[in-house]
N, C-alpha and C. Protein backbone atom coordinates (compact mmCIF):
# COMPACT_ATOMS: atom_id res chain seq x y z
N MET A 1 4.84 13.96 -7.40
CA MET A 1 5.34 13.23 -6.43
C MET A 1 6.04 12.07 -6.86
N ILE A 2 5.75 11.16 -7.56
CA ILE A 2 6.37 10.11 -8.14
C ILE A 2 7.58 10.24 -8.78
N LEU A 3 7.33 11.48 -9.99
CA LEU A 3 8.19 11.37 -10.52
C LEU A 3 9.68 12.42 -10.06
N TYR A 4 9.28 13.42 -9.17
CA TYR A 4 9.88 14.05 -8.71
C TYR A 4 11.23 12.93 -7.74
N ILE A 5 10.49 11.89 -6.95
CA ILE A 5 11.36 11.04 -6.59
C ILE A 5 12.03 10.42 -7.59
N PHE A 6 11.56 9.99 -8.55
CA PHE A 6 11.93 9.31 -9.70
C PHE A 6 13.67 10.01 -10.16
N ASN A 7 13.46 11.35 -10.14
CA ASN A 7 14.26 12.26 -10.71
C ASN A 7 15.56 12.36 -9.67
N LYS A 8 15.23 12.06 -8.49
CA LYS A 8 16.49 11.72 -7.00
C LYS A 8 16.87 10.68 -7.48
N LEU A 9 16.09 9.72 -7.71
CA LEU A 9 16.56 7.71 -7.81
C LEU A 9 17.66 7.81 -9.04
N MET A 10 16.60 7.67 -9.95
CA MET A 10 17.41 7.28 -11.26
C MET A 10 17.58 8.13 -12.10
N GLY A 11 17.64 9.60 -12.06
CA GLY A 11 18.17 10.24 -13.17
C GLY A 11 17.56 10.20 -14.75
N ARG A 12 17.06 9.61 -14.57
CA ARG A 12 16.75 9.29 -16.10
C ARG A 12 15.46 9.47 -16.16
N GLY A 13 15.68 10.29 -17.30
CA GLY A 13 13.97 11.24 -18.06
C GLY A 13 13.01 10.28 -18.19
N ALA A 14 13.49 9.24 -19.12
CA ALA A 14 12.70 8.14 -20.11
C ALA A 14 11.96 6.79 -18.99
N PHE A 15 12.93 6.27 -17.64
CA PHE A 15 12.43 5.11 -17.13
C PHE A 15 11.54 6.16 -16.20
N HIS A 16 11.44 7.09 -16.10
CA HIS A 16 9.90 8.08 -15.05
C HIS A 16 9.11 7.74 -15.57
N GLU A 17 8.88 8.05 -16.93
CA GLU A 17 7.58 7.72 -18.03
C GLU A 17 7.03 6.07 -17.89
N VAL A 18 7.84 5.10 -17.83
CA VAL A 18 7.71 4.04 -18.14
C VAL A 18 6.88 3.33 -16.79
N ILE A 19 7.10 4.17 -15.70
CA ILE A 19 6.80 3.64 -14.33
C ILE A 19 5.74 4.51 -13.82
N ASP A 20 5.46 5.72 -14.59
CA ASP A 20 4.02 6.54 -14.58
C ASP A 20 3.49 5.56 -15.29
N GLN A 21 3.44 5.40 -16.53
CA GLN A 21 2.65 3.99 -17.22
C GLN A 21 2.51 3.20 -16.35
N LEU A 22 3.29 2.18 -15.96
CA LEU A 22 2.22 1.19 -15.27
C LEU A 22 1.90 1.45 -14.08
N VAL A 23 1.79 2.50 -13.75
CA VAL A 23 1.08 3.07 -12.67
C VAL A 23 -0.56 3.54 -12.99
N VAL A 24 -0.25 4.30 -14.36
CA VAL A 24 -1.63 4.57 -15.12
C VAL A 24 -2.20 3.18 -15.77
N ALA A 25 -1.47 1.88 -15.81
CA ALA A 25 -2.15 0.95 -16.53
C ALA A 25 -2.85 0.12 -15.48
N LEU A 26 -1.95 0.05 -14.07
CA LEU A 26 -2.60 -0.66 -13.08
C LEU A 26 -4.18 -0.09 -12.07
N GLU A 27 -4.12 1.35 -12.44
CA GLU A 27 -5.58 1.90 -12.14
C GLU A 27 -6.26 1.73 -13.04
N GLU A 28 -6.27 1.42 -14.19
CA GLU A 28 -7.10 1.20 -15.23
C GLU A 28 -7.61 -0.07 -14.97
N LYS A 29 -6.32 -0.98 -14.88
CA LYS A 29 -7.15 -2.09 -14.65
C LYS A 29 -8.28 -2.54 -13.14
N ASP A 30 -6.79 -1.74 -12.55
CA ASP A 30 -7.94 -2.33 -10.89
C ASP A 30 -8.60 -1.07 -10.14
N PRO A 31 -9.57 -0.37 -10.36
CA PRO A 31 -9.75 1.47 -9.94
C PRO A 31 -9.46 1.70 -8.95
N TYR A 32 -9.94 0.57 -8.11
CA TYR A 32 -9.58 0.86 -6.47
C TYR A 32 -8.19 0.86 -6.59
N THR A 33 -7.10 0.11 -7.15
CA THR A 33 -5.73 0.37 -6.84
C THR A 33 -4.79 1.78 -6.34
N GLY A 34 -5.89 3.18 -7.59
CA GLY A 34 -5.06 4.22 -7.59
C GLY A 34 -5.65 4.92 -6.64
N GLY A 35 -6.74 5.19 -5.92
CA GLY A 35 -6.72 5.72 -4.62
C GLY A 35 -6.10 5.22 -3.44
N HIS A 36 -6.53 3.85 -3.55
CA HIS A 36 -5.90 3.23 -2.07
C HIS A 36 -4.21 3.54 -2.21
N SER A 37 -3.21 3.31 -3.54
CA SER A 37 -1.82 3.58 -3.55
C SER A 37 -1.73 4.91 -3.28
N SER A 38 -2.31 5.67 -3.57
CA SER A 38 -1.80 7.19 -3.04
C SER A 38 -2.09 7.39 -1.19
N ASN A 39 -3.35 6.76 -0.71
CA ASN A 39 -3.71 7.16 0.52
C ASN A 39 -2.79 6.11 1.27
N VAL A 40 -2.36 4.85 0.71
CA VAL A 40 -0.95 4.00 1.46
C VAL A 40 0.18 4.66 1.21
N SER A 41 0.64 5.32 0.68
CA SER A 41 1.64 5.85 0.33
C SER A 41 1.89 7.28 1.27
N ASP A 42 0.81 7.93 1.20
CA ASP A 42 0.51 9.40 2.47
C ASP A 42 1.23 8.66 3.88
N MET A 43 -0.33 7.68 4.19
CA MET A 43 -0.11 6.87 5.50
C MET A 43 1.34 6.47 5.62
N SER A 44 1.93 6.10 4.45
CA SER A 44 3.48 5.20 4.95
C SER A 44 4.42 6.20 5.08
N THR A 45 4.42 7.52 4.79
CA THR A 45 5.11 8.53 4.54
C THR A 45 5.17 9.08 6.34
N ASP A 46 3.91 9.12 6.72
CA ASP A 46 3.64 9.84 7.64
C ASP A 46 3.66 8.83 8.61
N LEU A 47 4.19 7.68 9.07
CA LEU A 47 4.36 6.83 9.74
C LEU A 47 6.14 6.83 9.39
N ALA A 48 6.77 6.73 8.60
CA ALA A 48 7.68 6.77 8.44
C ALA A 48 8.87 8.08 9.04
N LYS A 49 8.24 8.87 9.02
CA LYS A 49 8.43 10.28 9.71
C LYS A 49 8.24 10.65 11.07
N GLU A 50 6.74 9.83 11.56
CA GLU A 50 6.81 9.60 13.10
C GLU A 50 7.89 8.60 13.96
N ILE A 51 8.07 8.07 13.11
CA ILE A 51 9.31 6.76 13.67
C ILE A 51 10.26 7.88 13.64
N GLY A 52 10.78 8.52 13.19
CA GLY A 52 11.79 9.48 12.88
C GLY A 52 13.04 8.97 11.34
N ILE A 53 11.90 8.51 10.42
CA ILE A 53 12.69 8.17 9.00
C ILE A 53 13.18 9.20 8.42
N LYS A 54 14.14 9.19 7.85
CA LYS A 54 14.67 10.57 7.17
C LYS A 54 15.01 10.21 5.79
N GLY A 55 15.45 11.02 5.30
CA GLY A 55 16.55 11.07 3.77
C GLY A 55 15.98 10.07 2.27
N ILE A 56 17.09 9.09 2.19
CA ILE A 56 16.41 8.60 1.29
C ILE A 56 15.79 7.34 1.12
N ALA A 57 15.73 6.76 2.83
CA ALA A 57 14.67 5.81 3.31
C ALA A 57 13.58 6.02 3.69
N LEU A 58 13.29 7.17 3.67
CA LEU A 58 12.26 8.16 3.27
C LEU A 58 11.46 7.96 2.25
N GLU A 59 12.37 8.28 1.20
CA GLU A 59 11.85 8.50 -0.47
C GLU A 59 11.64 7.03 -0.59
N ASP A 60 12.25 5.90 -0.41
CA ASP A 60 12.27 4.36 -0.94
C ASP A 60 10.62 3.89 -0.12
N ILE A 61 10.54 4.16 0.87
CA ILE A 61 9.00 3.62 1.69
C ILE A 61 7.87 4.42 0.99
N HIS A 62 8.30 5.82 0.84
CA HIS A 62 6.75 6.63 -0.02
C HIS A 62 7.04 6.09 -1.29
N LEU A 63 7.87 5.75 -2.44
CA LEU A 63 8.08 5.37 -3.77
C LEU A 63 7.51 3.65 -3.61
N ALA A 64 8.17 3.11 -2.13
CA ALA A 64 7.37 1.60 -2.30
C ALA A 64 6.01 1.13 -2.00
N ALA A 65 5.40 2.22 -1.36
CA ALA A 65 3.97 2.19 -0.83
C ALA A 65 3.31 3.00 -2.11
N HIS A 66 3.63 3.37 -3.06
CA HIS A 66 2.83 3.70 -4.34
C HIS A 66 2.79 2.56 -5.19
N LEU A 67 3.75 2.12 -4.95
CA LEU A 67 3.57 0.95 -5.81
C LEU A 67 3.62 -0.56 -5.49
N HIS A 68 3.20 -0.46 -4.01
CA HIS A 68 3.29 -1.51 -3.47
C HIS A 68 2.49 -2.87 -4.21
N ASP A 69 1.33 -2.73 -4.80
CA ASP A 69 0.46 -3.30 -5.74
C ASP A 69 0.49 -3.98 -7.20
N ILE A 70 1.81 -3.02 -7.60
CA ILE A 70 2.04 -2.96 -8.87
C ILE A 70 2.23 -4.86 -9.63
N GLY A 71 2.44 -5.74 -8.45
CA GLY A 71 2.58 -6.95 -9.00
C GLY A 71 0.62 -7.46 -9.63
N LYS A 72 -0.23 -6.49 -9.39
CA LYS A 72 -1.31 -6.83 -9.70
C LYS A 72 -1.48 -6.67 -11.28
N LEU A 73 -0.57 -6.11 -12.35
CA LEU A 73 -0.62 -5.85 -13.25
C LEU A 73 -0.73 -7.40 -13.82
N LYS A 74 0.09 -8.51 -12.94
CA LYS A 74 0.18 -9.37 -14.05
C LYS A 74 -1.13 -10.38 -13.29
N ILE A 75 -2.05 -10.05 -12.62
CA ILE A 75 -3.04 -10.71 -11.86
C ILE A 75 -4.18 -10.40 -12.43
N SER A 76 -5.02 -11.60 -12.66
CA SER A 76 -6.50 -11.79 -13.70
C SER A 76 -7.31 -10.81 -13.46
N GLN A 77 -8.21 -10.04 -14.45
CA GLN A 77 -9.08 -8.97 -13.93
C GLN A 77 -9.97 -9.08 -13.17
N GLU A 78 -10.46 -10.13 -14.15
CA GLU A 78 -11.76 -11.09 -13.54
C GLU A 78 -11.47 -11.34 -11.54
N ILE A 79 -10.17 -11.78 -10.98
CA ILE A 79 -10.06 -11.98 -10.02
C ILE A 79 -10.00 -10.86 -9.22
N LEU A 80 -9.12 -9.44 -9.83
CA LEU A 80 -9.05 -8.19 -9.12
C LEU A 80 -10.63 -7.71 -9.03
N ASN A 81 -11.05 -7.49 -10.02
CA ASN A 81 -12.58 -7.21 -9.65
C ASN A 81 -13.93 -7.86 -9.64
N LYS A 82 -13.72 -9.04 -8.90
CA LYS A 82 -14.89 -10.05 -8.10
C LYS A 82 -15.39 -9.10 -7.40
N ASN A 83 -16.82 -8.97 -7.27
CA ASN A 83 -17.65 -8.41 -6.27
C ASN A 83 -18.13 -9.70 -4.88
N SER A 84 -17.46 -10.50 -5.00
CA SER A 84 -17.76 -11.10 -3.62
C SER A 84 -16.29 -11.46 -3.11
N LYS A 85 -16.00 -12.39 -2.15
CA LYS A 85 -14.89 -12.36 -1.03
C LYS A 85 -14.52 -13.81 -2.32
N LEU A 86 -12.91 -13.62 -2.83
CA LEU A 86 -12.38 -14.47 -3.30
C LEU A 86 -12.75 -15.97 -2.39
N LEU A 87 -12.41 -16.82 -3.50
CA LEU A 87 -12.61 -18.20 -3.52
C LEU A 87 -11.06 -18.95 -2.76
N PRO A 88 -10.71 -19.85 -2.30
CA PRO A 88 -8.89 -20.40 -1.84
C PRO A 88 -8.45 -20.21 -3.03
N HIS A 89 -8.28 -20.69 -3.98
CA HIS A 89 -7.56 -20.52 -5.22
C HIS A 89 -7.68 -19.21 -5.51
N GLU A 90 -8.41 -18.26 -5.86
CA GLU A 90 -8.13 -16.98 -6.36
C GLU A 90 -7.37 -16.41 -5.43
N ARG A 91 -7.58 -16.67 -3.74
CA ARG A 91 -6.48 -16.08 -3.00
C ARG A 91 -4.96 -16.32 -3.34
N VAL A 92 -4.80 -17.52 -3.50
CA VAL A 92 -3.65 -18.06 -3.55
C VAL A 92 -2.71 -17.00 -4.63
N GLU A 93 -4.17 -16.93 -5.98
CA GLU A 93 -3.07 -16.03 -7.35
C GLU A 93 -3.10 -14.75 -6.69
N ILE A 94 -4.31 -13.86 -6.26
CA ILE A 94 -3.93 -12.54 -5.63
C ILE A 94 -2.46 -12.61 -4.55
N GLU A 95 -2.56 -13.50 -3.89
CA GLU A 95 -0.74 -13.61 -3.02
C GLU A 95 0.47 -13.37 -3.62
N LYS A 96 -0.41 -13.92 -5.19
CA LYS A 96 1.49 -14.08 -5.66
C LYS A 96 2.09 -12.31 -6.26
N HIS A 97 1.02 -11.52 -6.05
CA HIS A 97 0.86 -9.78 -6.02
C HIS A 97 2.15 -9.21 -5.64
N ALA A 98 2.67 -9.90 -4.35
CA ALA A 98 4.05 -9.40 -4.09
C ALA A 98 4.97 -9.98 -4.18
N TYR A 99 5.42 -10.92 -4.75
CA TYR A 99 6.51 -11.35 -5.69
C TYR A 99 6.49 -10.43 -6.98
N LEU A 100 5.21 -10.68 -7.79
CA LEU A 100 5.27 -10.00 -8.82
C LEU A 100 5.56 -8.83 -8.88
N GLY A 101 5.22 -7.94 -8.18
CA GLY A 101 5.74 -6.43 -8.05
C GLY A 101 7.18 -6.35 -7.92
N PHE A 102 7.68 -7.62 -6.87
CA PHE A 102 9.23 -7.67 -6.44
C PHE A 102 9.59 -7.84 -8.19
N GLU A 103 9.49 -8.98 -8.61
CA GLU A 103 9.79 -8.91 -10.07
C GLU A 103 10.06 -7.98 -10.82
N ILE A 104 9.00 -6.98 -10.74
CA ILE A 104 8.80 -6.11 -12.13
C ILE A 104 10.12 -4.48 -11.46
N LEU A 105 9.94 -4.92 -10.32
CA LEU A 105 10.84 -3.70 -9.89
C LEU A 105 12.17 -3.98 -9.91
N ASN A 106 12.62 -5.04 -9.75
CA ASN A 106 13.97 -5.26 -9.19
C ASN A 106 15.14 -5.99 -10.46
N LYS A 107 14.06 -5.56 -11.34
CA LYS A 107 14.83 -5.51 -13.07
C LYS A 107 15.62 -4.02 -13.13
N SER A 108 15.60 -3.23 -11.97
CA SER A 108 16.51 -1.76 -12.17
C SER A 108 17.23 -2.08 -11.01
N LYS A 109 18.75 -1.96 -11.25
CA LYS A 109 19.71 -1.41 -10.22
C LYS A 109 19.36 -0.52 -9.30
N SER A 110 19.03 0.87 -9.77
CA SER A 110 18.12 1.75 -8.52
C SER A 110 16.88 1.22 -7.67
N LEU A 111 16.03 0.41 -8.22
CA LEU A 111 15.31 0.00 -7.53
C LEU A 111 15.26 -1.19 -6.52
N LYS A 112 16.13 -1.73 -6.51
CA LYS A 112 16.31 -3.32 -5.69
C LYS A 112 15.58 -3.11 -4.25
N ASN A 113 16.17 -2.08 -3.46
CA ASN A 113 15.73 -1.86 -2.44
C ASN A 113 14.40 -1.76 -1.87
N ILE A 114 13.34 -1.19 -3.17
CA ILE A 114 11.91 -0.82 -3.25
C ILE A 114 11.37 -1.58 -3.27
N ALA A 115 12.19 -2.71 -4.33
CA ALA A 115 11.71 -3.84 -4.89
C ALA A 115 11.24 -4.63 -3.69
N LYS A 116 12.36 -5.34 -2.64
CA LYS A 116 12.67 -5.83 -1.15
C LYS A 116 11.30 -4.98 -0.66
N ILE A 117 11.21 -4.16 -0.32
CA ILE A 117 10.34 -3.47 0.34
C ILE A 117 9.08 -4.16 0.18
N VAL A 118 8.33 -3.91 -1.35
CA VAL A 118 7.26 -4.30 -1.71
C VAL A 118 7.30 -5.86 -1.66
N LEU A 119 7.73 -6.54 -1.93
CA LEU A 119 8.25 -8.33 -1.86
C LEU A 119 7.92 -8.25 -0.61
N HIS A 120 7.84 -8.05 0.52
CA HIS A 120 7.69 -8.43 1.97
C HIS A 120 6.22 -7.91 2.58
N HIS A 121 5.93 -6.49 1.99
CA HIS A 121 4.88 -5.98 2.49
C HIS A 121 3.46 -6.69 2.96
N HIS A 122 3.24 -7.92 2.63
CA HIS A 122 2.41 -8.90 3.21
C HIS A 122 2.94 -9.86 4.21
N GLU A 123 4.03 -9.56 5.06
CA GLU A 123 4.49 -10.59 6.05
C GLU A 123 3.81 -9.78 7.10
N ARG A 124 3.57 -10.76 8.25
CA ARG A 124 3.70 -10.37 9.27
C ARG A 124 4.52 -10.58 10.52
N TRP A 125 4.47 -9.69 11.42
CA TRP A 125 5.47 -9.79 12.93
C TRP A 125 5.63 -10.93 13.55
N ASP A 126 4.46 -11.56 13.28
CA ASP A 126 4.07 -12.97 14.01
C ASP A 126 4.74 -14.30 13.50
N GLY A 127 5.26 -14.04 12.00
CA GLY A 127 5.75 -14.58 11.44
C GLY A 127 4.91 -15.68 10.25
N ARG A 128 3.42 -15.24 9.85
CA ARG A 128 2.58 -15.73 9.16
C ARG A 128 2.31 -15.28 8.41
N GLY A 129 2.80 -14.54 8.06
CA GLY A 129 2.34 -13.53 6.34
C GLY A 129 3.04 -14.63 5.46
N TYR A 130 3.37 -13.52 4.29
CA TYR A 130 3.34 -14.38 3.15
C TYR A 130 4.56 -13.17 2.37
N PRO A 131 5.73 -13.84 1.15
CA PRO A 131 5.63 -14.70 0.56
C PRO A 131 6.20 -15.56 1.55
N TYR A 132 7.41 -15.42 2.13
CA TYR A 132 8.47 -15.94 3.14
C TYR A 132 8.14 -16.42 4.88
N GLY A 133 7.22 -15.76 5.07
CA GLY A 133 6.88 -15.89 6.56
C GLY A 133 8.47 -15.34 7.32
N LEU A 134 8.59 -14.23 7.23
CA LEU A 134 9.53 -13.82 7.89
C LEU A 134 8.47 -13.22 8.74
N PHE A 135 9.55 -12.74 10.12
CA PHE A 135 8.66 -12.40 11.49
C PHE A 135 9.81 -11.43 11.97
N GLU A 136 9.10 -10.54 12.80
CA GLU A 136 9.77 -9.35 13.57
C GLU A 136 10.63 -8.42 12.42
N ASP A 137 11.97 -8.23 13.60
CA ASP A 137 12.97 -7.39 12.46
C ASP A 137 13.52 -7.93 11.57
N SER A 138 13.59 -9.45 11.14
CA SER A 138 13.51 -10.09 9.70
C SER A 138 12.88 -9.34 8.60
N ILE A 139 12.02 -8.61 8.55
CA ILE A 139 11.05 -7.99 7.91
C ILE A 139 11.79 -6.40 7.61
N PRO A 140 11.63 -6.21 6.23
CA PRO A 140 12.70 -4.41 6.25
C PRO A 140 11.50 -3.69 7.14
N MET A 141 11.80 -2.30 7.72
CA MET A 141 11.35 -1.66 8.21
C MET A 141 10.00 -1.10 7.02
N GLY A 142 10.36 -0.71 6.03
CA GLY A 142 8.98 0.06 4.89
C GLY A 142 8.25 -0.96 4.91
N SER A 143 8.57 -2.31 4.77
CA SER A 143 7.43 -3.26 4.80
C SER A 143 6.85 -3.38 5.91
N ARG A 144 7.17 -3.02 6.88
CA ARG A 144 6.35 -3.21 8.39
C ARG A 144 5.63 -2.05 8.29
N ILE A 145 5.87 -1.12 7.78
CA ILE A 145 5.22 0.22 7.57
C ILE A 145 3.88 0.26 6.86
N ILE A 146 4.13 -0.28 5.58
CA ILE A 146 3.40 -0.32 4.29
C ILE A 146 2.17 -1.33 5.30
N THR A 147 2.85 -2.48 5.79
CA THR A 147 1.79 -3.43 6.34
C THR A 147 0.27 -2.96 6.89
N VAL A 148 0.85 -1.89 7.72
CA VAL A 148 -0.26 -1.07 8.92
C VAL A 148 -1.25 -0.37 7.83
N ALA A 149 -0.37 0.45 7.05
CA ALA A 149 -0.67 1.87 6.45
C ALA A 149 -2.10 0.52 5.45
N ASP A 150 -1.31 -0.14 4.88
CA ASP A 150 -2.43 -0.84 3.98
C ASP A 150 -3.46 -1.17 4.53
N SER A 151 -3.70 -1.94 5.37
CA SER A 151 -4.72 -2.77 6.56
C SER A 151 -5.05 -1.49 6.92
N ILE A 152 -5.13 -0.17 7.25
CA ILE A 152 -5.50 0.82 7.81
C ILE A 152 -6.85 1.08 6.59
N ASP A 153 -6.35 1.69 5.06
CA ASP A 153 -7.05 2.29 3.96
C ASP A 153 -8.09 0.57 3.66
N ALA A 154 -7.83 -0.42 3.61
CA ALA A 154 -8.44 -1.14 3.08
C ALA A 154 -9.79 -1.50 4.40
N MET A 155 -9.62 -1.27 5.11
CA MET A 155 -10.48 -1.42 6.38
C MET A 155 -11.23 -0.62 6.21
N THR A 156 -10.70 0.92 5.70
CA THR A 156 -11.88 1.86 6.04
C THR A 156 -12.47 2.84 4.62
N THR A 157 -12.39 1.41 3.56
CA THR A 157 -12.46 1.56 2.20
C THR A 157 -13.65 0.90 2.22
N ASN A 158 -15.04 1.57 1.34
CA ASN A 158 -15.86 0.31 0.69
C ASN A 158 -15.13 -0.07 -0.36
N ARG A 159 -15.78 -2.04 -0.43
CA ARG A 159 -15.38 -2.28 -1.29
C ARG A 159 -17.01 -3.03 -1.65
N PRO A 160 -17.07 -3.99 -3.07
CA PRO A 160 -17.92 -4.26 -3.72
C PRO A 160 -18.85 -4.91 -2.57
N TYR A 161 -17.95 -5.93 -1.72
CA TYR A 161 -18.66 -6.61 -1.18
C TYR A 161 -18.34 -6.93 0.43
N ARG A 162 -18.29 -5.60 0.84
CA ARG A 162 -18.38 -5.05 1.90
C ARG A 162 -18.52 -3.76 2.33
N LYS A 163 -18.90 -3.30 3.45
CA LYS A 163 -18.44 -1.93 3.93
C LYS A 163 -17.49 -1.57 4.56
N ALA A 164 -17.49 -0.10 4.53
CA ALA A 164 -16.10 0.27 5.16
C ALA A 164 -16.20 0.08 6.62
N MET A 165 -15.46 -0.22 7.42
CA MET A 165 -15.19 0.27 8.96
C MET A 165 -14.96 1.14 9.87
N GLN A 166 -16.17 1.63 10.77
CA GLN A 166 -15.43 3.36 11.21
C GLN A 166 -14.38 3.09 11.24
N TRP A 167 -13.86 4.16 11.97
CA TRP A 167 -12.26 4.48 12.32
C TRP A 167 -12.29 3.66 13.37
N GLU A 168 -13.24 3.82 14.75
CA GLU A 168 -12.92 3.44 16.00
C GLU A 168 -12.86 1.94 16.10
N GLU A 169 -13.68 1.37 14.79
CA GLU A 169 -13.54 -0.31 14.79
C GLU A 169 -12.19 -0.61 14.36
N CYS A 170 -11.40 0.56 13.27
CA CYS A 170 -10.64 -0.25 12.91
C CYS A 170 -9.33 0.43 13.88
N ILE A 171 -9.11 1.66 14.44
CA ILE A 171 -8.31 1.45 15.63
C ILE A 171 -8.13 0.31 16.65
N GLU A 172 -9.45 -0.17 16.92
CA GLU A 172 -9.57 -1.21 17.72
C GLU A 172 -8.59 -2.84 17.05
N GLU A 173 -8.89 -3.02 15.99
CA GLU A 173 -8.62 -3.98 15.09
C GLU A 173 -7.27 -3.81 14.89
N ILE A 174 -6.72 -2.62 14.49
CA ILE A 174 -5.20 -2.61 14.65
C ILE A 174 -4.09 -2.69 15.75
N ASN A 175 -4.82 -2.16 17.15
CA ASN A 175 -4.22 -2.33 18.28
C ASN A 175 -4.34 -3.55 18.79
N ARG A 176 -5.44 -4.34 18.48
CA ARG A 176 -6.18 -5.67 18.38
C ARG A 176 -4.54 -6.43 18.31
N ASN A 177 -3.95 -6.27 16.87
CA ASN A 177 -3.28 -7.60 16.43
C ASN A 177 -1.86 -6.62 16.65
N ILE A 178 -1.79 -5.59 17.54
CA ILE A 178 -0.17 -5.60 18.02
C ILE A 178 0.70 -7.03 18.47
N GLY A 179 1.63 -6.80 17.78
CA GLY A 179 2.32 -8.10 18.13
C GLY A 179 2.19 -9.55 17.12
N LEU A 180 0.81 -9.08 16.41
CA LEU A 180 0.83 -10.26 16.14
C LEU A 180 0.81 -10.03 14.18
N GLN A 181 0.05 -9.52 13.79
CA GLN A 181 0.52 -8.75 12.47
C GLN A 181 1.26 -8.06 12.22
N TYR A 182 1.52 -6.97 13.48
CA TYR A 182 1.81 -5.62 13.14
C TYR A 182 3.25 -5.43 14.47
N ASP A 183 3.88 -4.63 13.97
CA ASP A 183 5.08 -3.94 14.64
C ASP A 183 4.51 -2.97 15.57
N PRO A 184 4.69 -3.36 16.73
CA PRO A 184 4.45 -2.88 17.98
C PRO A 184 4.75 -1.09 17.63
N LEU A 185 6.06 -0.95 17.17
CA LEU A 185 6.72 0.11 16.88
C LEU A 185 5.77 1.06 16.27
N VAL A 186 5.24 0.90 14.97
CA VAL A 186 4.84 1.28 13.82
C VAL A 186 3.36 1.10 14.29
N VAL A 187 2.48 0.74 14.97
CA VAL A 187 0.68 0.76 15.82
C VAL A 187 1.45 2.03 16.90
N GLU A 188 2.08 2.41 17.51
CA GLU A 188 2.80 3.46 18.61
C GLU A 188 2.57 4.60 17.71
N ALA A 189 3.51 4.92 16.32
CA ALA A 189 3.35 5.65 15.34
C ALA A 189 2.20 5.79 15.25
N ALA A 190 1.40 5.02 14.49
CA ALA A 190 -0.12 5.17 14.34
C ALA A 190 -1.02 5.70 14.94
N ASN A 191 -1.00 5.43 16.29
CA ASN A 191 -1.77 5.84 17.39
C ASN A 191 -1.41 7.12 17.64
N ASN A 192 -0.31 7.89 17.27
CA ASN A 192 -0.42 9.30 16.79
C ASN A 192 -1.01 10.28 15.99
N LEU A 193 -1.16 9.12 14.78
CA LEU A 193 -1.95 9.99 13.28
C LEU A 193 -3.36 9.92 13.31
N TRP A 194 -3.91 9.34 14.11
CA TRP A 194 -5.31 8.39 13.55
C TRP A 194 -6.29 10.00 13.36
N THR A 195 -6.36 10.79 14.15
CA THR A 195 -7.04 11.88 14.03
C THR A 195 -6.61 12.73 12.71
N LYS A 196 -5.34 13.13 12.33
CA LYS A 196 -5.33 13.40 11.44
C LYS A 196 -5.54 12.69 10.08
N TRP A 197 -5.56 11.25 10.03
CA TRP A 197 -5.60 10.66 8.89
C TRP A 197 -7.42 10.41 8.59
N LYS A 198 -8.06 10.51 9.44
CA LYS A 198 -10.00 10.42 9.38
C LYS A 198 -10.02 12.12 9.02
N GLY A 199 -9.43 12.50 9.11
CA GLY A 199 -9.84 14.00 8.69
C GLY A 199 -9.79 14.42 7.16
N VAL A 200 -8.28 13.48 7.06
CA VAL A 200 -8.09 13.70 5.65
C VAL A 200 -8.87 13.00 4.56
N LYS A 201 -9.44 11.60 5.36
CA LYS A 201 -9.80 10.72 4.33
C LYS A 201 -11.16 11.11 4.44
N ALA A 202 -12.09 11.67 5.54
CA ALA A 202 -13.23 12.24 5.19
C ALA A 202 -13.39 13.34 3.93
N TYR A 203 -12.39 14.03 3.78
CA TYR A 203 -12.23 15.32 2.81
C TYR A 203 -12.44 14.79 1.63
N ASN A 204 -11.27 13.72 1.37
CA ASN A 204 -10.89 12.97 0.45
C ASN A 204 -11.91 12.08 -0.34
N ARG A 205 -13.07 11.32 0.66
CA ARG A 205 -14.12 10.70 0.01
C ARG A 205 -15.40 11.92 -0.20
N ALA A 206 -15.47 13.01 0.32
CA ALA A 206 -16.54 13.92 0.14
C ALA A 206 -16.09 14.46 -1.26
N ASN A 207 -14.83 14.68 -1.36
CA ASN A 207 -14.16 15.85 -3.11
C ASN A 207 -14.45 14.63 -3.78
N PHE A 208 -14.37 13.32 -3.48
CA PHE A 208 -14.72 12.23 -4.49
C PHE A 208 -15.98 11.97 -4.71
N GLU A 209 -17.09 11.74 -3.97
CA GLU A 209 -18.43 11.93 -4.12
C GLU A 209 -19.03 13.20 -4.62
N SER A 210 -18.17 14.21 -4.54
CA SER A 210 -18.72 16.19 -5.35
C SER A 210 -18.22 15.36 -7.19
N VAL A 211 -17.12 14.93 -6.96
CA VAL A 211 -16.64 14.84 -8.40
C VAL A 211 -17.66 13.76 -9.42
N LYS A 212 -17.93 12.75 -8.64
CA LYS A 212 -18.86 11.54 -9.21
C LYS A 212 -19.88 12.07 -9.68
N CYS A 213 -20.61 13.05 -8.62
CA CYS A 213 -21.99 13.82 -8.66
C CYS A 213 -22.06 14.53 -10.21
N LYS A 214 -21.05 15.42 -10.23
CA LYS A 214 -20.94 16.47 -11.43
C LYS A 214 -20.99 15.55 -12.64
N SER A 215 -20.24 14.02 -12.68
CA SER A 215 -19.69 13.35 -13.69
C SER A 215 -21.47 12.88 -14.31
N PHE A 216 -22.16 13.18 -13.39
CA PHE A 216 -23.40 12.33 -13.84
C PHE A 216 -24.82 13.76 -13.67
N ALA A 217 -23.96 14.29 -13.65
CA ALA A 217 -25.17 15.38 -13.87
C ALA A 217 -25.05 16.28 -15.35
């Protein structure tokens, strides 16, 4: 799907291979990012469609969501793979990934809008996010959508330092932060999609466990 979108956006086969290798390199550096990026991309696409976004704007959001963590290529692997909560100075380093991702993607004229979406995917509706503290409608819609999808997947995924939230807890947390961290319009769209996402994620997790068991057989 990534290569199909790049064919439409770029029309240059060589560039497709470069971006594909960037994604592969990121997944090798931070294994969590592989499944996470796909999940966030799928949920962001669902949210955008639910809101009524179509055409090139929808494709931009899909691709930006797939690449939203690409800046982690420039973050220390020691920090990315840490098995405990980050220390304050490590948190500062991790938060640089949004701008670093922007730098990577903004080098292509055809990816400037996607780069902008990636840059702002950690902004908050109330202006307390990063890197620039944008608020409400000054945050690109694609970024607001990815913020919600990114949070949902992070909350409902096991990490070395904590267990995944139950879906009901996640739903409560997202709705508790309407108008604070999240755009109310995007959360309204999410509230129409919980059943679908819960089923998809349960299937993906079961499939992953099956593959993992076979690999150790």
